Amino acid sequence: MCMLCYSVHTNLKSEGTMFYIYEVASTYIIGKPNANGIAKPDHRQTYKTMAAAKAALTRISKVEPDYDPTRYAIAEAVYFHKNIEKQVEKSSYMDSSKKWMEPVNTPYYCSPSSETYWSM
């Protein structure tokens, strides 16, 4: 796979960074492919190095049936959260008139819009 097949966003000044593979259209963080070869969103999946993220993207490209090289990209974690990750409008579980914006990769149980959040 050539270097031009996917985009890479990074901040080279920081040390000890993590990298994500994310879906460009939705900005969901992508996990490892399942048994059917489909890569599903998984907010916990991180890579210690750029090389590890590129290797994982290569593995996804080999097993995903309808792989499109423009569908996924790699970004450094801090850059991703500050500049790339989309926000969605949520409303409160307790009071639907209260609305706020939160990142698309917020786990359901960590969102104030869920009953689980309020029952902890």
PDB file of N, CA and C in Angstrom:
ATOM      1  N   MET A   1       0.848  -1.173   0.000  1.00  0.00           N
ATOM      2  CA  MET A   1       0.000   0.000   0.000  1.00  0.00           C
ATOM      3  C   MET A   1       0.894   1.235   0.000  1.00  0.00           C
ATOM      4  N   CYS A   2       0.598   2.201  -0.822  1.00  0.00           N
ATOM      5  CA  CYS A   2       1.439   3.375  -0.938  1.00  0.00           C
ATOM      6  C   CYS A   2       1.115   4.408   0.136  1.00  0.00           C
ATOM      7  N   MET A   3       2.040   5.320   0.367  1.00  0.00           N
ATOM      8  CA  MET A   3       1.873   6.353   1.386  1.00  0.00           C
ATOM      9  C   MET A   3       0.773   7.347   1.007  1.00  0.00           C
ATOM     10  N   LEU A   4       0.445   7.457  -0.245  1.00  0.00           N
ATOM     11  CA  LEU A   4      -0.553   8.425  -0.680  1.00  0.00           C
ATOM     12  C   LEU A   4      -1.982   7.926  -0.503  1.00  0.00           C
ATOM     13  N   CYS A   5      -2.155   6.687  -0.047  1.00  0.00           N
ATOM     14  CA  CYS A   5      -3.486   6.098   0.044  1.00  0.00           C
ATOM     15  C   CYS A   5      -4.282   6.583   1.246  1.00  0.00           C
ATOM     16  N   TYR A   6      -3.640   7.184   2.208  1.00  0.00           N
ATOM     17  CA  TYR A   6      -4.363   7.689   3.369  1.00  0.00           C
ATOM     18  C   TYR A   6      -3.646   8.908   3.908  1.00  0.00           C
ATOM     19  N   SER A   7      -4.376   9.749   4.613  1.00  0.00           N
ATOM     20  CA  SER A   7      -3.778  10.965   5.146  1.00  0.00           C
ATOM     21  C   SER A   7      -3.295  10.740   6.564  1.00  0.00           C
ATOM     22  N   VAL A   8      -2.280  11.479   6.951  1.00  0.00           N
ATOM     23  CA  VAL A   8      -1.706  11.371   8.284  1.00  0.00           C
ATOM     24  C   VAL A   8      -1.651  12.761   8.890  1.00  0.00           C
ATOM     25  N   HIS A   9      -2.221  12.897  10.083  1.00  0.00           N
ATOM     26  CA  HIS A   9      -2.201  14.169  10.796  1.00  0.00           C
ATOM     27  C   HIS A   9      -1.407  13.970  12.071  1.00  0.00           C
ATOM     28  N   THR A  10      -0.364  14.757  12.270  1.00  0.00           N
ATOM     29  CA  THR A  10       0.451  14.586  13.465  1.00  0.00           C
ATOM     30  C   THR A  10       1.088  15.903  13.889  1.00  0.00           C
ATOM     31  N   ASN A  11       1.449  15.958  15.138  1.00  0.00           N
ATOM     32  CA  ASN A  11       2.191  17.070  15.707  1.00  0.00           C
ATOM     33  C   ASN A  11       3.529  16.484  16.124  1.00  0.00           C
ATOM     34  N   LEU A  12       4.585  16.750  15.391  1.00  0.00           N
ATOM     35  CA  LEU A  12       5.861  16.090  15.610  1.00  0.00           C
ATOM     36  C   LEU A  12       6.596  16.578  16.853  1.00  0.00           C
ATOM     37  N   LYS A  13       6.162  17.644  17.501  1.00  0.00           N
ATOM     38  CA  LYS A  13       6.859  18.174  18.664  1.00  0.00           C
ATOM     39  C   LYS A  13       6.643  17.332  19.922  1.00  0.00           C
ATOM     40  N   SER A  14       5.524  16.648  20.027  1.00  0.00           N
ATOM     41  CA  SER A  14       5.209  15.931  21.259  1.00  0.00           C
ATOM     42  C   SER A  14       5.815  14.530  21.269  1.00  0.00           C
ATOM     43  N   GLU A  15       6.277  14.122  22.436  1.00  0.00           N
ATOM     44  CA  GLU A  15       6.842  12.790  22.630  1.00  0.00           C
ATOM     45  C   GLU A  15       5.838  11.923  23.371  1.00  0.00           C
ATOM     46  N   GLY A  16       5.942  10.614  23.215  1.00  0.00           N
ATOM     47  CA  GLY A  16       5.056   9.704  23.915  1.00  0.00           C
ATOM     48  C   GLY A  16       3.609   9.835  23.480  1.00  0.00           C
ATOM     49  N   THR A  17       3.389  10.036  22.211  1.00  0.00           N
ATOM     50  CA  THR A  17       2.032  10.251  21.712  1.00  0.00           C
ATOM     51  C   THR A  17       1.355   8.935  21.390  1.00  0.00           C
ATOM     52  N   MET A  18       0.040   9.002  21.238  1.00  0.00           N
ATOM     53  CA  MET A  18      -0.763   7.876  20.781  1.00  0.00           C
ATOM     54  C   MET A  18      -1.348   8.256  19.431  1.00  0.00           C
ATOM     55  N   PHE A  19      -1.707   7.245  18.666  1.00  0.00           N
ATOM     56  CA  PHE A  19      -2.284   7.474  17.350  1.00  0.00           C
ATOM     57  C   PHE A  19      -3.602   6.729  17.234  1.00  0.00           C
ATOM     58  N   TYR A  20      -4.496   7.286  16.446  1.00  0.00           N
ATOM     59  CA  TYR A  20      -5.789   6.671  16.171  1.00  0.00           C
ATOM     60  C   TYR A  20      -5.924   6.424  14.677  1.00  0.00           C
ATOM     61  N   ILE A  21      -6.672   5.384  14.337  1.00  0.00           N
ATOM     62  CA  ILE A  21      -7.195   5.235  12.984  1.00  0.00           C
ATOM     63  C   ILE A  21      -8.649   5.650  13.107  1.00  0.00           C
ATOM     64  N   TYR A  22      -9.089   6.570  12.266  1.00  0.00           N
ATOM     65  CA  TYR A  22     -10.465   7.038  12.354  1.00  0.00           C
ATOM     66  C   TYR A  22     -11.119   7.057  10.985  1.00  0.00           C
ATOM     67  N   GLU A  23     -12.445   6.973  11.004  1.00  0.00           N
ATOM     68  CA  GLU A  23     -13.212   7.055   9.772  1.00  0.00           C
ATOM     69  C   GLU A  23     -13.364   8.534   9.420  1.00  0.00           C
ATOM     70  N   VAL A  24     -12.985   8.911   8.238  1.00  0.00           N
ATOM     71  CA  VAL A  24     -12.945  10.318   7.849  1.00  0.00           C
ATOM     72  C   VAL A  24     -14.333  10.967   7.891  1.00  0.00           C
ATOM     73  N   ALA A  25     -15.346  10.304   7.398  1.00  0.00           N
ATOM     74  CA  ALA A  25     -16.687  10.903   7.310  1.00  0.00           C
ATOM     75  C   ALA A  25     -17.316  11.145   8.684  1.00  0.00           C
ATOM     76  N   SER A  26     -17.206  10.183   9.582  1.00  0.00           N
ATOM     77  CA  SER A  26     -17.878  10.290  10.880  1.00  0.00           C
ATOM     78  C   SER A  26     -16.941  10.673  12.015  1.00  0.00           C
ATOM     79  N   THR A  27     -15.655  10.523  11.847  1.00  0.00           N
ATOM     80  CA  THR A  27     -14.579  10.682  12.829  1.00  0.00           C
ATOM     81  C   THR A  27     -14.670   9.692  13.984  1.00  0.00           C
ATOM     82  N   TYR A  28     -15.342   8.551  13.770  1.00  0.00           N
ATOM     83  CA  TYR A  28     -15.319   7.492  14.782  1.00  0.00           C
ATOM     84  C   TYR A  28     -13.936   6.847  14.791  1.00  0.00           C
ATOM     85  N   ILE A  29     -13.415   6.574  15.990  1.00  0.00           N
ATOM     86  CA  ILE A  29     -12.160   5.857  16.126  1.00  0.00           C
ATOM     87  C   ILE A  29     -12.435   4.395  15.778  1.00  0.00           C
ATOM     88  N   ILE A  30     -11.599   3.832  14.927  1.00  0.00           N
ATOM     89  CA  ILE A  30     -11.836   2.489  14.398  1.00  0.00           C
ATOM     90  C   ILE A  30     -10.989   1.461  15.143  1.00  0.00           C
ATOM     91  N   GLY A  31     -11.619   0.326  15.454  1.00  0.00           N
ATOM     92  CA  GLY A  31     -10.935  -0.772  16.122  1.00  0.00           C
ATOM     93  C   GLY A  31     -10.461  -1.821  15.129  1.00  0.00           C
ATOM     94  N   LYS A  32     -10.106  -2.966  15.657  1.00  0.00           N
ATOM     95  CA  LYS A  32      -9.625  -4.066  14.819  1.00  0.00           C
ATOM     96  C   LYS A  32     -10.788  -4.685  14.051  1.00  0.00           C
ATOM     97  N   PRO A  33     -10.518  -5.258  12.887  1.00  0.00           N
ATOM     98  CA  PRO A  33     -11.586  -5.909  12.117  1.00  0.00           C
ATOM     99  C   PRO A  33     -12.150  -7.128  12.861  1.00  0.00           C
ATOM    100  N   ASN A  34     -13.454  -7.356  12.707  1.00  0.00           N
ATOM    101  CA  ASN A  34     -14.083  -8.531  13.326  1.00  0.00           C
ATOM    102  C   ASN A  34     -13.870  -9.760  12.434  1.00  0.00           C
ATOM    103  N   ALA A  35     -14.530 -10.853  12.774  1.00  0.00           N
ATOM    104  CA  ALA A  35     -14.367 -12.108  12.027  1.00  0.00           C
ATOM    105  C   ALA A  35     -14.798 -11.983  10.564  1.00  0.00           C
ATOM    106  N   ASN A  36     -15.722 -11.060  10.277  1.00  0.00           N
ATOM    107  CA  ASN A  36     -16.193 -10.858   8.905  1.00  0.00           C
ATOM    108  C   ASN A  36     -15.323  -9.892   8.120  1.00  0.00           C
ATOM    109  N   GLY A  37     -14.284  -9.351   8.755  1.00  0.00           N
ATOM    110  CA  GLY A  37     -13.386  -8.426   8.069  1.00  0.00           C
ATOM    111  C   GLY A  37     -13.858  -6.991   8.081  1.00  0.00           C
ATOM    112  N   ILE A  38     -14.835  -6.667   8.907  1.00  0.00           N
ATOM    113  CA  ILE A  38     -15.347  -5.298   8.978  1.00  0.00           C
ATOM    114  C   ILE A  38     -14.755  -4.606  10.203  1.00  0.00           C
ATOM    115  N   ALA A  39     -14.151  -3.440  10.010  1.00  0.00           N
ATOM    116  CA  ALA A  39     -13.596  -2.671  11.120  1.00  0.00           C
ATOM    117  C   ALA A  39     -14.723  -1.849  11.750  1.00  0.00           C
ATOM    118  N   LYS A  40     -14.965  -2.065  13.024  1.00  0.00           N
ATOM    119  CA  LYS A  40     -16.048  -1.392  13.750  1.00  0.00           C
ATOM    120  C   LYS A  40     -15.493  -0.263  14.610  1.00  0.00           C
ATOM    121  N   PRO A  41     -16.311   0.739  14.937  1.00  0.00           N
ATOM    122  CA  PRO A  41     -15.863   1.799  15.843  1.00  0.00           C
ATOM    123  C   PRO A  41     -15.514   1.237  17.226  1.00  0.00           C
ATOM    124  N   ASP A  42     -14.413   1.711  17.793  1.00  0.00           N
ATOM    125  CA  ASP A  42     -13.967   1.300  19.125  1.00  0.00           C
ATOM    126  C   ASP A  42     -13.132   2.438  19.707  1.00  0.00           C
ATOM    127  N   HIS A  43     -13.714   3.195  20.610  1.00  0.00           N
ATOM    128  CA  HIS A  43     -13.051   4.377  21.160  1.00  0.00           C
ATOM    129  C   HIS A  43     -11.811   4.041  21.986  1.00  0.00           C
ATOM    130  N   ARG A  44     -11.603   2.770  22.330  1.00  0.00           N
ATOM    131  CA  ARG A  44     -10.465   2.372  23.161  1.00  0.00           C
ATOM    132  C   ARG A  44      -9.220   2.027  22.352  1.00  0.00           C
ATOM    133  N   GLN A  45      -9.328   1.886  21.049  1.00  0.00           N
ATOM    134  CA  GLN A  45      -8.216   1.419  20.225  1.00  0.00           C
ATOM    135  C   GLN A  45      -7.212   2.536  19.962  1.00  0.00           C
ATOM    136  N   THR A  46      -6.006   2.383  20.503  1.00  0.00           N
ATOM    137  CA  THR A  46      -4.930   3.346  20.264  1.00  0.00           C
ATOM    138  C   THR A  46      -3.689   2.589  19.819  1.00  0.00           C
ATOM    139  N   TYR A  47      -2.746   3.324  19.239  1.00  0.00           N
ATOM    140  CA  TYR A  47      -1.484   2.745  18.785  1.00  0.00           C
ATOM    141  C   TYR A  47      -0.353   3.594  19.334  1.00  0.00           C
ATOM    142  N   LYS A  48       0.714   2.950  19.799  1.00  0.00           N
ATOM    143  CA  LYS A  48       1.824   3.665  20.426  1.00  0.00           C
ATOM    144  C   LYS A  48       2.674   4.427  19.426  1.00  0.00           C
ATOM    145  N   THR A  49       2.764   3.909  18.214  1.00  0.00           N
ATOM    146  CA  THR A  49       3.605   4.548  17.202  1.00  0.00           C
ATOM    147  C   THR A  49       2.839   4.694  15.894  1.00  0.00           C
ATOM    148  N   MET A  50       3.350   5.575  15.061  1.00  0.00           N
ATOM    149  CA  MET A  50       2.764   5.757  13.736  1.00  0.00           C
ATOM    150  C   MET A  50       2.906   4.472  12.924  1.00  0.00           C
ATOM    151  N   ALA A  51       4.034   3.790  13.068  1.00  0.00           N
ATOM    152  CA  ALA A  51       4.261   2.546  12.335  1.00  0.00           C
ATOM    153  C   ALA A  51       3.224   1.483  12.716  1.00  0.00           C
ATOM    154  N   ALA A  52       2.879   1.401  14.001  1.00  0.00           N
ATOM    155  CA  ALA A  52       1.869   0.429  14.446  1.00  0.00           C
ATOM    156  C   ALA A  52       0.508   0.766  13.854  1.00  0.00           C
ATOM    157  N   ALA A  53       0.163   2.054  13.805  1.00  0.00           N
ATOM    158  CA  ALA A  53      -1.116   2.466  13.219  1.00  0.00           C
ATOM    159  C   ALA A  53      -1.155   2.163  11.724  1.00  0.00           C
ATOM    160  N   LYS A  54      -0.058   2.417  11.031  1.00  0.00           N
ATOM    161  CA  LYS A  54       0.006   2.115   9.599  1.00  0.00           C
ATOM    162  C   LYS A  54      -0.110   0.617   9.344  1.00  0.00           C
ATOM    163  N   ALA A  55       0.532  -0.186  10.196  1.00  0.00           N
ATOM    164  CA  ALA A  55       0.452  -1.646  10.051  1.00  0.00           C
ATOM    165  C   ALA A  55      -0.983  -2.121  10.271  1.00  0.00           C
ATOM    166  N   ALA A  56      -1.672  -1.552  11.273  1.00  0.00           N
ATOM    167  CA  ALA A  56      -3.067  -1.926  11.534  1.00  0.00           C
ATOM    168  C   ALA A  56      -3.955  -1.527  10.356  1.00  0.00           C
ATOM    169  N   LEU A  57      -3.701  -0.368   9.774  1.00  0.00           N
ATOM    170  CA  LEU A  57      -4.482   0.075   8.614  1.00  0.00           C
ATOM    171  C   LEU A  57      -4.234  -0.845   7.420  1.00  0.00           C
ATOM    172  N   THR A  58      -3.020  -1.314   7.271  1.00  0.00           N
ATOM    173  CA  THR A  58      -2.706  -2.274   6.214  1.00  0.00           C
ATOM    174  C   THR A  58      -3.469  -3.575   6.428  1.00  0.00           C
ATOM    175  N   ARG A  59      -3.527  -4.053   7.690  1.00  0.00           N
ATOM    176  CA  ARG A  59      -4.285  -5.279   7.989  1.00  0.00           C
ATOM    177  C   ARG A  59      -5.771  -5.085   7.686  1.00  0.00           C
ATOM    178  N   ILE A  60      -6.305  -3.909   8.026  1.00  0.00           N
ATOM    179  CA  ILE A  60      -7.709  -3.629   7.722  1.00  0.00           C
ATOM    180  C   ILE A  60      -7.922  -3.671   6.210  1.00  0.00           C
ATOM    181  N   SER A  61      -7.005  -3.079   5.458  1.00  0.00           N
ATOM    182  CA  SER A  61      -7.158  -3.039   3.992  1.00  0.00           C
ATOM    183  C   SER A  61      -7.143  -4.429   3.366  1.00  0.00           C
ATOM    184  N   LYS A  62      -6.451  -5.376   4.001  1.00  0.00           N
ATOM    185  CA  LYS A  62      -6.359  -6.727   3.443  1.00  0.00           C
ATOM    186  C   LYS A  62      -7.586  -7.580   3.734  1.00  0.00           C
ATOM    187  N   VAL A  63      -8.285  -7.306   4.845  1.00  0.00           N
ATOM    188  CA  VAL A  63      -9.408  -8.176   5.210  1.00  0.00           C
ATOM    189  C   VAL A  63     -10.779  -7.555   4.955  1.00  0.00           C
ATOM    190  N   GLU A  64     -10.861  -6.238   4.856  1.00  0.00           N
ATOM    191  CA  GLU A  64     -12.161  -5.598   4.635  1.00  0.00           C
ATOM    192  C   GLU A  64     -12.578  -5.795   3.185  1.00  0.00           C
ATOM    193  N   PRO A  65     -13.777  -6.351   2.960  1.00  0.00           N
ATOM    194  CA  PRO A  65     -14.200  -6.699   1.595  1.00  0.00           C
ATOM    195  C   PRO A  65     -14.276  -5.522   0.620  1.00  0.00           C
ATOM    196  N   ASP A  66     -14.864  -4.418   1.031  1.00  0.00           N
ATOM    197  CA  ASP A  66     -15.013  -3.257   0.145  1.00  0.00           C
ATOM    198  C   ASP A  66     -14.140  -2.114   0.628  1.00  0.00           C
ATOM    199  N   TYR A  67     -12.856  -2.363   0.789  1.00  0.00           N
ATOM    200  CA  TYR A  67     -11.933  -1.361   1.337  1.00  0.00           C
ATOM    201  C   TYR A  67     -11.776  -0.185   0.381  1.00  0.00           C
ATOM    202  N   ASP A  68     -11.950   1.005   0.921  1.00  0.00           N
ATOM    203  CA  ASP A  68     -11.741   2.251   0.182  1.00  0.00           C
ATOM    204  C   ASP A  68     -10.619   3.001   0.898  1.00  0.00           C
ATOM    205  N   PRO A  69      -9.484   3.267   0.251  1.00  0.00           N
ATOM    206  CA  PRO A  69      -8.350   3.907   0.922  1.00  0.00           C
ATOM    207  C   PRO A  69      -8.645   5.318   1.427  1.00  0.00           C
ATOM    208  N   THR A  70      -9.682   5.964   0.914  1.00  0.00           N
ATOM    209  CA  THR A  70     -10.000   7.313   1.391  1.00  0.00           C
ATOM    210  C   THR A  70     -10.953   7.298   2.579  1.00  0.00           C
ATOM    211  N   ARG A  71     -11.388   6.125   3.003  1.00  0.00           N
ATOM    212  CA  ARG A  71     -12.347   6.034   4.110  1.00  0.00           C
ATOM    213  C   ARG A  71     -11.703   6.263   5.470  1.00  0.00           C
ATOM    214  N   TYR A  72     -10.451   5.844   5.655  1.00  0.00           N
ATOM    215  CA  TYR A  72      -9.774   5.930   6.947  1.00  0.00           C
ATOM    216  C   TYR A  72      -8.564   6.849   6.874  1.00  0.00           C
ATOM    217  N   ALA A  73      -8.201   7.396   8.034  1.00  0.00           N
ATOM    218  CA  ALA A  73      -6.995   8.211   8.150  1.00  0.00           C
ATOM    219  C   ALA A  73      -6.379   7.950   9.518  1.00  0.00           C
ATOM    220  N   ILE A  74      -5.141   8.385   9.691  1.00  0.00           N
ATOM    221  CA  ILE A  74      -4.425   8.240  10.952  1.00  0.00           C
ATOM    222  C   ILE A  74      -4.145   9.630  11.501  1.00  0.00           C
ATOM    223  N   ALA A  75      -4.317   9.786  12.815  1.00  0.00           N
ATOM    224  CA  ALA A  75      -4.022  11.067  13.446  1.00  0.00           C
ATOM    225  C   ALA A  75      -3.453  10.843  14.831  1.00  0.00           C
ATOM    226  N   GLU A  76      -2.606  11.765  15.244  1.00  0.00           N
ATOM    227  CA  GLU A  76      -2.096  11.756  16.605  1.00  0.00           C
ATOM    228  C   GLU A  76      -3.267  12.105  17.534  1.00  0.00           C
ATOM    229  N   ALA A  77      -3.334  11.521  18.710  1.00  0.00           N
ATOM    230  CA  ALA A  77      -4.495  11.632  19.600  1.00  0.00           C
ATOM    231  C   ALA A  77      -4.844  13.074  19.971  1.00  0.00           C
ATOM    232  N   VAL A  78      -3.870  13.854  20.389  1.00  0.00           N
ATOM    233  CA  VAL A  78      -4.157  15.231  20.813  1.00  0.00           C
ATOM    234  C   VAL A  78      -4.663  16.057  19.641  1.00  0.00           C
ATOM    235  N   TYR A  79      -4.003  15.935  18.496  1.00  0.00           N
ATOM    236  CA  TYR A  79      -4.434  16.658  17.296  1.00  0.00           C
ATOM    237  C   TYR A  79      -5.845  16.235  16.890  1.00  0.00           C
ATOM    238  N   PHE A  80      -6.126  14.944  16.968  1.00  0.00           N
ATOM    239  CA  PHE A  80      -7.442  14.417  16.610  1.00  0.00           C
ATOM    240  C   PHE A  80      -8.539  15.037  17.472  1.00  0.00           C
ATOM    241  N   HIS A  81      -8.347  15.034  18.788  1.00  0.00           N
ATOM    242  CA  HIS A  81      -9.378  15.549  19.690  1.00  0.00           C
ATOM    243  C   HIS A  81      -9.555  17.066  19.563  1.00  0.00           C
ATOM    244  N   LYS A  82      -8.484  17.794  19.284  1.00  0.00           N
ATOM    245  CA  LYS A  82      -8.573  19.254  19.179  1.00  0.00           C
ATOM    246  C   LYS A  82      -9.105  19.729  17.827  1.00  0.00           C
ATOM    247  N   ASN A  83      -8.709  19.068  16.744  1.00  0.00           N
ATOM    248  CA  ASN A  83      -8.965  19.618  15.410  1.00  0.00           C
ATOM    249  C   ASN A  83      -9.852  18.788  14.493  1.00  0.00           C
ATOM    250  N   ILE A  84     -10.018  17.503  14.750  1.00  0.00           N
ATOM    251  CA  ILE A  84     -10.700  16.643  13.787  1.00  0.00           C
ATOM    252  C   ILE A  84     -12.035  16.115  14.305  1.00  0.00           C
ATOM    253  N   GLU A  85     -12.068  15.637  15.539  1.00  0.00           N
ATOM    254  CA  GLU A  85     -13.233  14.931  16.065  1.00  0.00           C
ATOM    255  C   GLU A  85     -14.493  15.794  16.020  1.00  0.00           C
ATOM    256  N   LYS A  86     -15.551  15.235  15.456  1.00  0.00           N
ATOM    257  CA  LYS A  86     -16.830  15.941  15.353  1.00  0.00           C
ATOM    258  C   LYS A  86     -17.566  15.927  16.685  1.00  0.00           C
ATOM    259  N   GLN A  87     -18.443  16.885  16.848  1.00  0.00           N
ATOM    260  CA  GLN A  87     -19.288  16.998  18.031  1.00  0.00           C
ATOM    261  C   GLN A  87     -20.729  16.699  17.619  1.00  0.00           C
ATOM    262  N   VAL A  88     -21.491  16.122  18.543  1.00  0.00           N
ATOM    263  CA  VAL A  88     -22.910  15.872  18.301  1.00  0.00           C
ATOM    264  C   VAL A  88     -23.718  16.513  19.415  1.00  0.00           C
ATOM    265  N   GLU A  89     -24.917  16.941  19.073  1.00  0.00           N
ATOM    266  CA  GLU A  89     -25.793  17.545  20.079  1.00  0.00           C
ATOM    267  C   GLU A  89     -26.536  16.446  20.816  1.00  0.00           C
ATOM    268  N   LYS A  90     -26.500  16.520  22.131  1.00  0.00           N
ATOM    269  CA  LYS A  90     -27.180  15.537  22.982  1.00  0.00           C
ATOM    270  C   LYS A  90     -28.146  16.274  23.891  1.00  0.00           C
ATOM    271  N   SER A  91     -29.137  15.538  24.378  1.00  0.00           N
ATOM    272  CA  SER A  91     -30.066  16.108  25.352  1.00  0.00           C
ATOM    273  C   SER A  91     -30.054  15.232  26.596  1.00  0.00           C
ATOM    274  N   SER A  92     -30.413  15.822  27.707  1.00  0.00           N
ATOM    275  CA  SER A  92     -30.345  15.143  28.992  1.00  0.00           C
ATOM    276  C   SER A  92     -31.367  14.028  29.106  1.00  0.00           C
ATOM    277  N   TYR A  93     -30.980  12.961  29.774  1.00  0.00           N
ATOM    278  CA  TYR A  93     -31.890  11.852  30.056  1.00  0.00           C
ATOM    279  C   TYR A  93     -32.989  12.334  31.003  1.00  0.00           C
ATOM    280  N   MET A  94     -32.620  13.174  31.949  1.00  0.00           N
ATOM    281  CA  MET A  94     -33.567  13.653  32.958  1.00  0.00           C
ATOM    282  C   MET A  94     -34.454  14.789  32.438  1.00  0.00           C
ATOM    283  N   ASP A  95     -33.876  15.668  31.640  1.00  0.00           N
ATOM    284  CA  ASP A  95     -34.605  16.841  31.161  1.00  0.00           C
ATOM    285  C   ASP A  95     -34.246  17.063  29.693  1.00  0.00           C
ATOM    286  N   SER A  96     -35.157  16.734  28.804  1.00  0.00           N
ATOM    287  CA  SER A  96     -34.856  16.812  27.365  1.00  0.00           C
ATOM    288  C   SER A  96     -34.699  18.243  26.859  1.00  0.00           C
ATOM    289  N   SER A  97     -35.026  19.234  27.666  1.00  0.00           N
ATOM    290  CA  SER A  97     -34.846  20.622  27.224  1.00  0.00           C
ATOM    291  C   SER A  97     -33.383  21.063  27.352  1.00  0.00           C
ATOM    292  N   LYS A  98     -32.591  20.368  28.132  1.00  0.00           N
ATOM    293  CA  LYS A  98     -31.172  20.689  28.278  1.00  0.00           C
ATOM    294  C   LYS A  98     -30.399  20.017  27.154  1.00  0.00           C
ATOM    295  N   LYS A  99     -29.655  20.815  26.392  1.00  0.00           N
ATOM    296  CA  LYS A  99     -28.891  20.296  25.267  1.00  0.00           C
ATOM    297  C   LYS A  99     -27.450  20.767  25.369  1.00  0.00           C
ATOM    298  N   TRP A 100     -26.521  19.953  24.868  1.00  0.00           N
ATOM    299  CA  TRP A 100     -25.109  20.291  24.852  1.00  0.00           C
ATOM    300  C   TRP A 100     -24.434  19.515  23.727  1.00  0.00           C
ATOM    301  N   MET A 101     -23.191  19.868  23.475  1.00  0.00           N
ATOM    302  CA  MET A 101     -22.397  19.197  22.445  1.00  0.00           C
ATOM    303  C   MET A 101     -21.355  18.317  23.124  1.00  0.00           C
ATOM    304  N   GLU A 102     -21.173  17.091  22.575  1.00  0.00           N
ATOM    305  CA  GLU A 102     -20.126  16.207  23.076  1.00  0.00           C
ATOM    306  C   GLU A 102     -19.488  15.468  21.909  1.00  0.00           C
ATOM    307  N   PRO A 103     -18.236  14.999  22.074  1.00  0.00           N
ATOM    308  CA  PRO A 103     -17.545  14.297  20.990  1.00  0.00           C
ATOM    309  C   PRO A 103     -18.265  13.011  20.587  1.00  0.00           C
ATOM    310  N   VAL A 104     -18.180  12.653  19.311  1.00  0.00           N
ATOM    311  CA  VAL A 104     -18.853  11.443  18.821  1.00  0.00           C
ATOM    312  C   VAL A 104     -18.293  10.175  19.446  1.00  0.00           C
ATOM    313  N   ASN A 105     -17.063  10.198  19.921  1.00  0.00           N
ATOM    314  CA  ASN A 105     -16.440   9.012  20.502  1.00  0.00           C
ATOM    315  C   ASN A 105     -16.649   8.879  22.003  1.00  0.00           C
ATOM    316  N   THR A 106     -17.506   9.707  22.584  1.00  0.00           N
ATOM    317  CA  THR A 106     -17.802   9.581  24.012  1.00  0.00           C
ATOM    318  C   THR A 106     -18.572   8.285  24.234  1.00  0.00           C
ATOM    319  N   PRO A 107     -18.060   7.410  25.129  1.00  0.00           N
ATOM    320  CA  PRO A 107     -18.801   6.173  25.400  1.00  0.00           C
ATOM    321  C   PRO A 107     -20.180   6.488  25.967  1.00  0.00           C
ATOM    322  N   TYR A 108     -21.148   5.662  25.646  1.00  0.00           N
ATOM    323  CA  TYR A 108     -22.525   5.897  26.075  1.00  0.00           C
ATOM    324  C   TYR A 108     -22.628   6.038  27.587  1.00  0.00           C
ATOM    325  N   TYR A 109     -21.920   5.194  28.331  1.00  0.00           N
ATOM    326  CA  TYR A 109     -22.016   5.214  29.785  1.00  0.00           C
ATOM    327  C   TYR A 109     -21.337   6.434  30.408  1.00  0.00           C
ATOM    328  N   CYS A 110     -20.556   7.191  29.635  1.00  0.00           N
ATOM    329  CA  CYS A 110     -19.917   8.419  30.125  1.00  0.00           C
ATOM    330  C   CYS A 110     -20.671   9.670  29.709  1.00  0.00           C
ATOM    331  N   SER A 111     -21.762   9.504  29.013  1.00  0.00           N
ATOM    332  CA  SER A 111     -22.539  10.639  28.530  1.00  0.00           C
ATOM    333  C   SER A 111     -23.689  10.949  29.477  1.00  0.00           C
ATOM    334  N   PRO A 112     -23.849  12.208  29.878  1.00  0.00           N
ATOM    335  CA  PRO A 112     -24.985  12.574  30.729  1.00  0.00           C
ATOM    336  C   PRO A 112     -26.338  12.340  30.059  1.00  0.00           C
ATOM    337  N   SER A 113     -26.345  12.008  28.786  1.00  0.00           N
ATOM    338  CA  SER A 113     -27.613  11.724  28.100  1.00  0.00           C
ATOM    339  C   SER A 113     -28.100  10.298  28.357  1.00  0.00           C
ATOM    340  N   SER A 114     -27.317   9.488  29.075  1.00  0.00           N
ATOM    341  CA  SER A 114     -27.688   8.084  29.309  1.00  0.00           C
ATOM    342  C   SER A 114     -28.149   7.862  30.748  1.00  0.00           C
ATOM    343  N   GLU A 115     -28.998   6.882  30.904  1.00  0.00           N
ATOM    344  CA  GLU A 115     -29.458   6.505  32.238  1.00  0.00           C
ATOM    345  C   GLU A 115     -28.303   5.908  33.041  1.00  0.00           C
ATOM    346  N   THR A 116     -27.403   5.200  32.373  1.00  0.00           N
ATOM    347  CA  THR A 116     -26.267   4.578  33.041  1.00  0.00           C
ATOM    348  C   THR A 116     -25.406   5.623  33.747  1.00  0.00           C
ATOM    349  N   TYR A 117     -25.186   6.755  33.107  1.00  0.00           N
ATOM    350  CA  TYR A 117     -24.387   7.830  33.688  1.00  0.00           C
ATOM    351  C   TYR A 117     -24.986   8.290  35.021  1.00  0.00           C
ATOM    352  N   TRP A 118     -26.293   8.425  35.073  1.00  0.00           N
ATOM    353  CA  TRP A 118     -26.945   8.945  36.268  1.00  0.00           C
ATOM    354  C   TRP A 118     -27.143   7.879  37.345  1.00  0.00           C
ATOM    355  N   SER A 119     -27.010   6.615  37.012  1.00  0.00           N
ATOM    356  CA  SER A 119     -27.219   5.565  38.008  1.00  0.00           C
ATOM    357  C   SER A 119     -25.920   5.093  38.659  1.00  0.00           C
ATOM    358  N   MET A 120     -24.785   5.642  38.237  1.00  0.00           N
ATOM    359  CA  MET A 120     -23.510   5.247  38.844  1.00  0.00           C
ATOM    360  C   MET A 120     -23.327   5.894  40.190  1.00  0.00           C
TER     361      MET A 120
END
